[in-house]
Amino acid sequence: MIDTSNSWLLSRVSTRVLTGALGASVGWWIGHHLGYPARMAIGGAALAVVGLSVLDTLKGYRLLDWLRNPEADPPALPGLWGEVSHRVHRVLRQRERETANERERLSQFLSGIDASPNGVMLLDASEHITWISRTAASHFGLDPVRDLAQRVTNLVRVPAFVQYLASEEQTEPVKFLMPRGGQGTLSVVVRNYGDGLRIVLSQDVTERERSEAMRRDFVANVSHEIRTPLTVLNGFIETMANLPLTEVERRRVLTLMGQQSERMQTLVSDLLMLAQIEGSPRPTADHWCRMSDVLQRIENDAKGLSQGRHEFTSTISPAHTVVEIAGVESEWLSAMGNLVSNAIRYTPEGGHIGVAWRTLPDGSGEFSVKDSGIGIDAEHIPRLTERFYRVDGSRSRDTGGTGLGLSIVKHVVQRHGGELRITSEKGKGSIFTLTVPVARVRLKPL
C-alpha cells in the first residue's frame, strides 16, 4: 500500500528541485551571453523557487478563503491543495449529514414527548426554561415559544410549586390547582439530571381527584344509609328482648322492623343494579319490547304504590300504531318506573300524574312523566342524578327513597344512547323526559 503522505512530500520536493534546476538552466543560458553564467544560474534557480512558492501560497489562500465559508463549493485546485480541499469538503459534508440526522432524531424524540398526555419542562441550572411541551405549557398557563429562556418561578408563582422547586426533598410529587385560571389539579414532580439541570413532570389529576372524592362520598353515603335502618333494627331487637310487649305492640314493632329491612333490601338492590349497569356494554338494538306493555306494567305498579291517592293518565302518540323500543326491557322498566314512583312520592294526595310516550317527526321518541307535585328549585336540578343526592333528605327517607333512583335512570338512558331532561319549578310540579334515539324506535301499524 502506497504511503500517501510520503508520496505528496516526494512530489512537492521533486517539483521544487526541478523548478530550481529549470530556473538555473535558464539563468545559466542568459548569463552565458552576458558573461556571468554562475551568478545568473543561482539567481534563476532562486527566482523560479520563489515564484513557485508564491503560486503555492495563492492556492493555500484560496483554500483558506473557502474554509471561512464552507457552505460554498470548494475551489478547483490542482495538486496537494486540491486533494486537501476535496478531503475537507468530504469530512464537512459527512459531519453535516450526521448533525442533520441527530437533529432529526432529537426532533422526533421531542415530538414524542410533546404528544404525551403528561407535561414535560426542562430547566437549566438557573431555573430558566430550555424546552417545554405543549401539554406542560397548558398545565402551567405558559407559551411554549414566548416563555423560553424565562425563569420559571417568575412565570409560575404558585407558592406550593415555588417551595417545592426550592426544596431539597423532591421525592414525592406536589399537588396544586392549575395556575392562571386553569380548571383542575396538577401533580408535579421534579428530577435532577446532568450538571445542575432539572426536568419538571406534570400530570392533570383532576379526574382522579374527583373519582377519589366520589368514591369516598359513595362509601360514606352507603355506610350512612345502611347504618340508619340497622340502628333501628337493633333498637327494636333489644326492645323485644328486654321489655314485655303486648300483642299489639309486638306486631307494631315487627311491622317497623320489616319496613327497615325492606329499606335495606331496596338499597342493596339499587346498588347492585347500578353496578351492573355501569359495568355492562351498551345493549344491542336486536331485542324489541312494546311500549304499550311497558306503560301498562308501570301504571299497574304506580297504582299499587299510590293506593288511590293520585289521578293517573297514560297516552301514546301516534295513537293508531304499535310503538316498540329496543334494548334491555328490565332496564327500561326500571328507569321509567323510577320516574313514576318519584312522582308519586313527591306529589300530594289528590294530585295528577301524567305518563306519555310521543314519537317525534325525526323517528326518535320521548317518554315523559309530568306531575303536579312540590317541584324542585333550579339550583338542585343539575345535581339530581348524583348518587344519594337529595333535595330534602328527611322527606326522601320518609317516602322510602334510596337516593339512587335518578342515578340509575341516567345510566340506563345513556347506555341506550338517550338523554334525561328535567324541568321543574318550585310549587308547580316537574317534568322528567327520557329521549330514545331513532335507532331504538320503530313503528308498526295496528
Protein backbone atom coordinates (compact mmCIF):
# COMPACT_ATOMS: atom_id res chain seq x y z
CA MET A 1 0.00 0.00 0.00
CA ILE A 2 1.43 3.40 -1.01
CA ASP A 3 2.08 5.92 1.79
CA THR A 4 0.15 8.96 0.55
CA SER A 5 1.89 11.47 2.83
CA ASN A 6 5.36 10.37 1.64
CA SER A 7 4.16 10.40 -1.97
CA TRP A 8 2.98 14.02 -1.71
CA LEU A 9 6.17 15.02 0.12
CA LEU A 10 8.32 13.43 -2.62
CA SER A 11 6.23 15.10 -5.29
CA ARG A 12 6.49 18.58 -3.75
CA VAL A 13 10.28 18.23 -3.20
CA SER A 14 10.77 16.91 -6.72
CA THR A 15 8.71 19.78 -8.16
CA ARG A 16 10.78 22.39 -6.38
CA VAL A 17 14.07 20.68 -7.35
CA LEU A 18 13.03 20.52 -10.99
CA THR A 19 11.73 24.11 -10.91
CA GLY A 20 15.06 25.27 -9.39
CA ALA A 21 17.01 23.28 -11.97
CA LEU A 22 14.94 24.75 -14.80
CA GLY A 23 15.42 28.26 -13.42
CA ALA A 24 19.18 27.65 -13.08
CA SER A 25 19.37 26.39 -16.66
CA VAL A 26 17.56 29.44 -17.98
CA GLY A 27 19.74 31.72 -15.83
CA TRP A 28 22.94 29.99 -16.95
CA TRP A 29 21.91 30.33 -20.59
CA ILE A 30 21.21 34.06 -20.17
CA GLY A 31 24.35 34.54 -18.05
CA HIS A 32 26.47 32.76 -20.64
CA HIS A 33 25.63 35.52 -23.12
CA LEU A 34 26.18 38.23 -20.52
CA GLY A 35 29.41 36.78 -19.15
CA TYR A 36 28.01 35.83 -15.65
CA PRO A 37 26.77 32.29 -16.07
CA ALA A 38 27.19 31.12 -12.44
CA ARG A 39 25.51 34.14 -10.84
CA MET A 40 22.64 34.12 -13.27
CA ALA A 41 22.16 30.37 -12.75
CA ILE A 42 21.85 30.86 -8.98
CA GLY A 43 19.51 33.83 -9.43
CA GLY A 44 17.38 31.95 -11.95
CA ALA A 45 17.02 28.99 -9.60
CA ALA A 46 16.09 31.23 -6.68
CA LEU A 47 13.59 33.22 -8.74
CA ALA A 48 11.92 30.01 -10.01
CA VAL A 49 11.59 28.58 -6.50
CA VAL A 50 10.18 31.87 -5.14
CA GLY A 51 7.65 32.07 -7.98
CA LEU A 52 6.55 28.52 -7.35
CA SER A 53 6.18 29.30 -3.63
CA VAL A 54 4.08 32.38 -4.40
CA LEU A 55 1.74 30.32 -6.62
CA ASP A 56 1.53 27.67 -3.91
CA THR A 57 0.71 30.32 -1.29
CA LEU A 58 -2.07 31.73 -3.50
CA LYS A 59 -3.60 28.26 -3.77
CA GLY A 60 -3.42 27.90 0.00
CA TYR A 61 -5.07 31.32 0.40
CA ARG A 62 -7.96 30.24 -1.87
CA LEU A 63 -8.39 27.14 0.25
CA LEU A 64 -8.33 29.19 3.46
CA ASP A 65 -10.85 31.64 1.99
CA TRP A 66 -13.20 28.73 1.22
CA LEU A 67 -12.80 27.31 4.74
CA ARG A 68 -14.17 30.59 6.09
CA ASN A 69 -17.40 29.81 4.23
CA PRO A 70 -17.50 26.01 3.79
CA GLU A 71 -21.18 26.04 2.67
CA ALA A 72 -19.98 27.13 -0.81
CA ASP A 73 -18.47 24.71 -3.33
CA PRO A 74 -14.74 24.02 -2.82
CA PRO A 75 -12.27 25.73 -5.22
CA ALA A 76 -10.91 23.69 -8.12
CA LEU A 77 -7.23 23.45 -7.18
CA PRO A 78 -4.58 21.19 -8.66
CA GLY A 79 -2.14 19.09 -6.75
CA LEU A 80 -1.88 18.91 -3.00
CA TRP A 81 -4.26 21.78 -2.25
CA GLY A 82 -6.94 20.26 -4.45
CA GLU A 83 -6.64 16.98 -2.57
CA VAL A 84 -6.82 18.85 0.77
CA SER A 85 -9.92 20.80 -0.27
CA HIS A 86 -11.60 17.63 -1.52
CA ARG A 87 -10.96 15.75 1.71
CA VAL A 88 -12.01 18.68 3.91
CA HIS A 89 -15.17 19.08 1.84
CA ARG A 90 -15.95 15.38 2.23
CA VAL A 91 -15.41 15.48 6.01
CA LEU A 92 -17.58 18.61 6.37
CA ARG A 93 -20.43 17.09 4.38
CA GLN A 94 -20.23 13.90 6.43
CA ARG A 95 -20.41 15.94 9.65
CA GLU A 96 -23.37 17.91 8.26
CA ARG A 97 -25.23 14.70 7.45
CA GLU A 98 -24.53 13.32 10.91
CA THR A 99 -25.64 16.59 12.52
CA ALA A 100 -28.83 16.61 10.42
CA ASN A 101 -29.57 13.00 11.43
CA GLU A 102 -29.01 13.84 15.10
CA ARG A 103 -31.29 16.85 14.83
CA GLU A 104 -33.94 14.73 13.16
CA ARG A 105 -33.73 12.13 15.93
CA LEU A 106 -33.88 14.87 18.55
CA SER A 107 -36.88 16.42 16.81
CA GLN A 108 -38.67 13.06 16.72
CA PHE A 109 -37.83 12.45 20.37
CA LEU A 110 -39.17 15.85 21.41
CA SER A 111 -42.26 15.33 19.23
CA GLY A 112 -42.89 12.04 21.02
CA ILE A 113 -42.59 13.76 24.40
CA ASP A 114 -44.82 16.58 23.13
CA ALA A 115 -47.51 14.04 22.22
CA SER A 116 -47.53 12.63 25.74
CA PRO A 117 -50.63 13.35 27.86
CA ASN A 118 -48.26 14.33 30.66
CA GLY A 119 -46.34 17.60 30.64
CA VAL A 120 -42.54 17.87 30.40
CA MET A 121 -40.49 21.02 31.07
CA LEU A 122 -36.68 21.25 31.02
CA LEU A 123 -34.86 23.75 33.23
CA ASP A 124 -31.22 24.82 33.25
CA ALA A 125 -29.13 25.30 36.39
CA SER A 126 -30.66 28.78 36.89
CA GLU A 127 -34.27 27.50 36.59
CA HIS A 128 -34.70 29.02 33.13
CA ILE A 129 -36.95 27.14 30.71
CA THR A 130 -34.93 25.49 27.94
CA TRP A 131 -37.82 23.45 26.47
CA ILE A 132 -41.47 22.88 27.30
CA SER A 133 -44.09 20.57 25.79
CA ARG A 134 -47.50 21.84 24.74
CA THR A 135 -49.15 19.80 27.49
CA ALA A 136 -46.90 21.34 30.16
CA ALA A 137 -47.50 24.79 28.70
CA SER A 138 -51.24 24.18 29.01
CA HIS A 139 -50.85 22.89 32.56
CA PHE A 140 -48.86 25.91 33.74
CA GLY A 141 -50.56 28.53 31.53
CA LEU A 142 -47.36 29.28 29.57
CA ASP A 143 -46.48 29.93 25.94
CA PRO A 144 -44.12 27.23 24.57
CA VAL A 145 -42.30 29.76 22.34
CA ARG A 146 -42.55 33.13 24.02
CA ASP A 147 -41.66 31.89 27.51
CA LEU A 148 -38.49 30.01 26.55
CA ALA A 149 -35.37 31.18 28.43
CA GLN A 150 -37.59 32.77 31.10
CA ARG A 151 -37.15 31.95 34.78
CA VAL A 152 -39.96 29.53 35.62
CA THR A 153 -40.61 30.94 39.11
CA ASN A 154 -41.22 34.38 37.56
CA LEU A 155 -44.00 32.87 35.45
CA VAL A 156 -45.46 30.22 37.76
CA ARG A 157 -45.90 31.88 41.14
CA VAL A 158 -47.91 29.20 42.90
CA PRO A 159 -46.40 29.09 46.42
CA ALA A 160 -46.57 25.28 46.64
CA PHE A 161 -44.66 24.92 43.35
CA VAL A 162 -42.05 27.57 44.21
CA GLN A 163 -41.37 25.98 47.61
CA TYR A 164 -41.22 22.51 46.09
CA LEU A 165 -38.74 23.65 43.43
CA ALA A 166 -36.53 25.26 46.08
CA SER A 167 -36.63 22.31 48.47
CA GLU A 168 -34.02 19.58 48.58
CA GLU A 169 -36.56 16.81 49.22
CA GLN A 170 -38.40 16.23 45.93
CA THR A 171 -39.08 12.52 46.16
CA GLU A 172 -42.86 12.90 46.45
CA PRO A 173 -44.98 14.86 43.94
CA VAL A 174 -46.71 18.09 44.93
CA LYS A 175 -50.35 18.85 44.05
CA PHE A 176 -51.88 22.28 43.48
CA LEU A 177 -54.56 23.99 41.41
CA MET A 178 -53.63 24.86 37.84
CA PRO A 179 -52.21 28.40 37.70
CA ARG A 180 -53.51 31.33 35.64
CA GLY A 181 -57.18 30.46 35.91
CA GLY A 182 -56.86 26.82 34.84
CA GLN A 183 -59.59 24.44 35.97
CA GLY A 184 -58.19 21.35 37.61
CA THR A 185 -55.49 19.89 39.82
CA LEU A 186 -51.87 19.30 38.85
CA SER A 187 -49.47 16.71 40.21
CA VAL A 188 -45.87 17.84 39.68
CA VAL A 189 -42.59 16.03 40.31
CA VAL A 190 -39.06 17.38 39.71
CA ARG A 191 -35.99 15.25 38.93
CA ASN A 192 -32.34 16.30 38.60
CA TYR A 193 -30.16 15.23 35.69
CA GLY A 194 -26.92 16.30 34.03
CA ASP A 195 -24.91 19.15 35.53
CA GLY A 196 -27.48 21.00 37.64
CA LEU A 197 -30.28 20.51 35.09
CA ARG A 198 -33.83 19.60 36.08
CA ILE A 199 -36.88 18.08 34.45
CA VAL A 200 -40.39 19.02 35.61
CA LEU A 201 -43.06 16.37 35.01
CA SER A 202 -46.70 17.45 35.33
CA GLN A 203 -49.91 15.43 35.23
CA ASP A 204 -53.55 16.52 35.24
CA VAL A 205 -55.09 14.55 38.10
CA THR A 206 -58.41 16.38 38.14
CA GLU A 207 -60.46 13.33 37.17
CA ARG A 208 -58.51 11.12 39.55
CA GLU A 209 -59.12 13.51 42.44
CA ARG A 210 -62.79 13.77 41.51
CA SER A 211 -63.09 9.98 41.33
CA GLU A 212 -61.40 9.61 44.69
CA ALA A 213 -63.75 12.18 46.21
CA MET A 214 -66.75 10.42 44.66
CA ARG A 215 -65.52 7.07 45.97
CA ARG A 216 -65.11 8.46 49.49
CA ASP A 217 -68.53 10.11 49.36
CA PHE A 218 -70.08 6.94 47.98
CA VAL A 219 -68.65 4.76 50.76
CA ALA A 220 -69.70 7.32 53.37
CA ASN A 221 -73.23 7.58 51.95
CA VAL A 222 -73.70 3.81 51.67
CA SER A 223 -72.44 3.35 55.22
CA HIS A 224 -74.81 6.04 56.47
CA GLU A 225 -77.80 4.70 54.55
CA ILE A 226 -77.29 1.17 55.86
CA ARG A 227 -76.35 2.19 59.41
CA THR A 228 -79.64 4.04 59.98
CA PRO A 229 -82.01 1.06 59.46
CA LEU A 230 -79.53 -1.24 61.21
CA THR A 231 -79.61 1.03 64.25
CA VAL A 232 -83.40 0.98 64.22
CA LEU A 233 -83.47 -2.81 63.89
CA ASN A 234 -81.03 -3.25 66.74
CA GLY A 235 -83.14 -0.97 68.91
CA PHE A 236 -86.28 -2.96 68.17
CA ILE A 237 -84.49 -6.26 68.82
CA GLU A 238 -83.32 -5.00 72.22
CA THR A 239 -86.83 -3.77 72.97
CA MET A 240 -88.37 -7.14 72.14
CA ALA A 241 -85.69 -8.98 74.12
CA ASN A 242 -85.81 -6.84 77.27
CA LEU A 243 -89.36 -5.50 77.55
CA PRO A 244 -92.65 -7.38 77.95
CA LEU A 245 -94.78 -6.26 74.98
CA THR A 246 -98.44 -6.72 74.33
CA GLU A 247 -99.54 -8.44 71.15
CA VAL A 248 -100.42 -5.09 69.56
CA GLU A 249 -97.06 -3.59 70.47
CA ARG A 250 -95.23 -6.65 69.24
CA ARG A 251 -96.97 -6.52 65.87
CA ARG A 252 -96.22 -2.82 65.54
CA VAL A 253 -92.53 -3.41 66.27
CA LEU A 254 -92.36 -6.28 63.77
CA THR A 255 -94.03 -4.10 61.13
CA LEU A 256 -91.49 -1.35 61.66
CA MET A 257 -88.66 -3.88 61.59
CA GLY A 258 -89.98 -5.24 58.31
CA GLN A 259 -90.06 -1.73 56.85
CA GLN A 260 -86.43 -1.10 57.81
CA SER A 261 -85.38 -4.49 56.48
CA GLU A 262 -87.19 -3.78 53.21
CA ARG A 263 -85.47 -0.41 53.03
CA MET A 264 -82.04 -2.06 53.31
CA GLN A 265 -83.03 -4.66 50.75
CA THR A 266 -84.11 -1.93 48.33
CA LEU A 267 -80.85 -0.06 48.86
CA VAL A 268 -78.73 -3.16 48.18
CA SER A 269 -80.83 -4.00 45.13
CA ASP A 270 -80.37 -0.49 43.73
CA LEU A 271 -76.61 -0.62 44.38
CA LEU A 272 -76.31 -3.97 42.61
CA MET A 273 -78.31 -2.75 39.65
CA LEU A 274 -76.25 0.44 39.38
CA ALA A 275 -73.03 -1.59 39.47
CA GLN A 276 -74.37 -3.96 36.81
CA ILE A 277 -75.41 -1.10 34.53
CA GLU A 278 -72.10 0.73 34.83
CA GLY A 279 -70.03 -2.39 34.14
CA SER A 280 -72.02 -3.63 31.13
CA PRO A 281 -71.50 -2.74 27.45
CA ARG A 282 -74.10 -0.77 25.51
CA PRO A 283 -77.03 -3.12 24.71
CA THR A 284 -77.65 -4.07 21.11
CA ALA A 285 -80.76 -2.99 19.23
CA ASP A 286 -81.96 -6.51 18.41
CA HIS A 287 -84.45 -7.01 21.24
CA TRP A 288 -87.72 -5.06 20.99
CA CYS A 289 -90.48 -4.50 23.55
CA ARG A 290 -93.90 -2.92 23.08
CA MET A 291 -94.29 0.49 24.63
CA SER A 292 -97.94 -0.19 25.45
CA ASP A 293 -96.96 -3.23 27.52
CA VAL A 294 -94.25 -1.25 29.32
CA LEU A 295 -96.70 1.57 30.13
CA GLN A 296 -99.32 -0.91 31.35
CA ARG A 297 -96.89 -2.52 33.79
CA ILE A 298 -95.66 0.87 35.00
CA GLU A 299 -99.23 2.05 35.52
CA ASN A 300 -100.18 -1.08 37.47
CA ASP A 301 -97.17 -0.69 39.78
CA ALA A 302 -97.85 3.02 40.19
CA LYS A 303 -101.46 2.50 41.16
CA GLY A 304 -100.40 -0.06 43.74
CA LEU A 305 -97.90 2.40 45.21
CA SER A 306 -100.36 5.32 45.12
CA GLN A 307 -103.27 3.32 46.60
CA GLY A 308 -105.81 5.63 45.02
CA ARG A 309 -104.31 8.88 46.30
CA HIS A 310 -103.48 10.25 42.82
CA GLU A 311 -105.07 10.65 39.43
CA PHE A 312 -103.26 8.91 36.54
CA THR A 313 -103.36 9.41 32.77
CA SER A 314 -101.36 7.43 30.21
CA THR A 315 -101.09 8.26 26.48
CA ILE A 316 -99.19 7.05 23.41
CA SER A 317 -98.89 9.05 20.22
CA PRO A 318 -99.42 8.41 17.42
CA ALA A 319 -102.44 6.52 18.73
CA HIS A 320 -103.09 4.05 15.89
CA THR A 321 -99.66 2.44 15.76
CA VAL A 322 -97.67 -0.11 17.70
CA VAL A 323 -94.56 1.54 19.16
CA GLU A 324 -91.58 -0.64 20.01
CA ILE A 325 -88.29 0.31 21.65
CA ALA A 326 -85.04 -1.66 21.55
CA GLY A 327 -82.81 -2.54 24.47
CA VAL A 328 -82.99 -4.32 27.79
CA GLU A 329 -86.65 -4.36 28.81
CA SER A 330 -85.92 -4.69 32.53
CA GLU A 331 -83.70 -1.60 32.42
CA TRP A 332 -86.32 0.46 30.57
CA LEU A 333 -88.92 -0.66 33.13
CA SER A 334 -86.59 0.29 35.98
CA ALA A 335 -85.77 3.73 34.54
CA MET A 336 -89.33 4.66 33.61
CA GLY A 337 -90.75 3.12 36.80
CA ASN A 338 -88.31 5.14 38.93
CA LEU A 339 -89.57 8.37 37.38
CA VAL A 340 -93.21 7.43 38.06
CA SER A 341 -92.52 6.29 41.65
CA ASN A 342 -90.66 9.57 42.31
CA ALA A 343 -93.65 11.50 41.01
CA ILE A 344 -95.93 9.57 43.37
CA ARG A 345 -93.67 10.19 46.39
CA TYR A 346 -93.42 13.94 45.82
CA THR A 347 -96.97 14.66 44.66
CA PRO A 348 -99.51 15.43 47.41
CA GLU A 349 -102.69 13.40 47.68
CA GLY A 350 -105.21 14.34 45.02
CA GLY A 351 -102.53 15.45 42.57
CA HIS A 352 -102.25 14.43 38.93
CA ILE A 353 -99.52 12.33 37.30
CA GLY A 354 -99.38 12.07 33.53
CA VAL A 355 -97.29 9.42 31.75
CA ALA A 356 -96.86 9.85 27.99
CA TRP A 357 -94.97 8.46 25.03
CA ARG A 358 -94.52 10.64 21.98
CA THR A 359 -92.90 9.62 18.69
CA LEU A 360 -91.14 12.65 17.21
CA PRO A 361 -91.13 13.58 13.48
CA ASP A 362 -87.49 12.51 13.07
CA GLY A 363 -88.30 8.98 14.27
CA SER A 364 -86.92 9.29 17.79
CA GLY A 365 -89.11 9.08 20.88
CA GLU A 366 -89.79 10.72 24.23
CA PHE A 367 -91.10 9.20 27.43
CA SER A 368 -92.24 11.83 29.93
CA VAL A 369 -93.65 11.90 33.42
CA LYS A 370 -95.43 15.10 34.45
CA ASP A 371 -96.69 15.66 37.98
CA SER A 372 -98.38 18.43 39.95
CA GLY A 373 -96.14 17.90 42.95
CA ILE A 374 -93.97 20.12 45.12
CA GLY A 375 -91.47 20.95 42.36
CA ILE A 376 -87.71 21.49 42.61
CA ASP A 377 -85.63 24.65 42.92
CA ALA A 378 -83.47 25.34 39.85
CA GLU A 379 -80.25 25.15 41.90
CA HIS A 380 -80.85 21.47 42.68
CA ILE A 381 -81.70 20.25 39.16
CA PRO A 382 -78.08 19.80 37.84
CA ARG A 383 -77.24 17.54 40.80
CA LEU A 384 -80.36 15.40 40.93
CA THR A 385 -78.72 12.45 39.15
CA GLU A 386 -75.79 12.27 41.59
CA ARG A 387 -75.78 9.23 43.82
CA PHE A 388 -77.51 9.80 47.17
CA TYR A 389 -78.20 13.46 46.35
CA ARG A 390 -81.46 14.55 47.95
CA VAL A 391 -83.20 17.90 47.80
CA ASP A 392 -84.86 17.10 51.13
CA GLY A 393 -83.13 14.20 52.86
CA SER A 394 -85.67 13.73 55.65
CA ARG A 395 -88.64 13.69 53.27
CA SER A 396 -86.85 11.33 50.90
CA ARG A 397 -86.22 8.83 53.67
CA ASP A 398 -89.80 9.13 54.92
CA THR A 399 -91.06 8.25 51.43
CA GLY A 400 -88.72 5.28 51.10
CA GLY A 401 -86.25 6.71 48.61
CA THR A 402 -82.66 5.47 48.48
CA GLY A 403 -81.18 8.43 46.63
CA LEU A 404 -80.08 6.17 43.75
CA GLY A 405 -83.20 6.20 41.56
CA LEU A 406 -82.32 9.10 39.25
CA SER A 407 -78.70 7.92 39.03
CA ILE A 408 -80.00 4.57 37.75
CA VAL A 409 -82.29 6.36 35.30
CA LYS A 410 -79.41 8.45 33.93
CA HIS A 411 -77.13 5.45 33.42
CA VAL A 412 -79.86 3.36 31.77
CA VAL A 413 -80.73 6.13 29.32
CA GLN A 414 -77.09 6.87 28.49
CA ARG A 415 -76.40 3.17 27.91
CA HIS A 416 -79.20 3.15 25.35
CA GLY A 417 -77.93 6.31 23.64
CA GLY A 418 -80.60 8.62 25.05
CA GLU A 419 -80.77 11.57 27.41
CA LEU A 420 -82.56 12.58 30.61
CA ARG A 421 -84.05 16.10 30.75
CA ILE A 422 -85.56 17.67 33.86
CA THR A 423 -87.70 20.79 34.04
CA SER A 424 -89.30 21.92 37.27
CA GLU A 425 -90.48 24.91 39.22
CA LYS A 426 -90.94 25.11 42.95
CA GLY A 427 -94.57 24.56 43.89
CA LYS A 428 -95.67 23.93 40.27
CA GLY A 429 -94.62 20.35 39.61
CA SER A 430 -91.95 18.71 37.47
CA ILE A 431 -91.48 17.07 34.08
CA PHE A 432 -88.93 14.26 33.62
CA THR A 433 -88.28 13.30 29.99
CA LEU A 434 -86.33 10.35 28.58
CA THR A 435 -85.26 10.65 24.93
CA VAL A 436 -84.81 7.46 22.89
CA PRO A 437 -82.68 7.64 19.70
CA VAL A 438 -84.05 6.83 16.25
CA ALA A 439 -82.17 3.53 16.03
CA ARG A 440 -84.10 2.21 19.07
CA VAL A 441 -87.63 3.19 17.99
CA ARG A 442 -89.81 1.54 15.39
CA LEU A 443 -93.49 1.82 14.48
CA LYS A 444 -95.87 -0.84 13.22
CA PRO A 445 -99.45 -0.42 12.02
CA LEU A 446 -102.20 -1.95 14.15
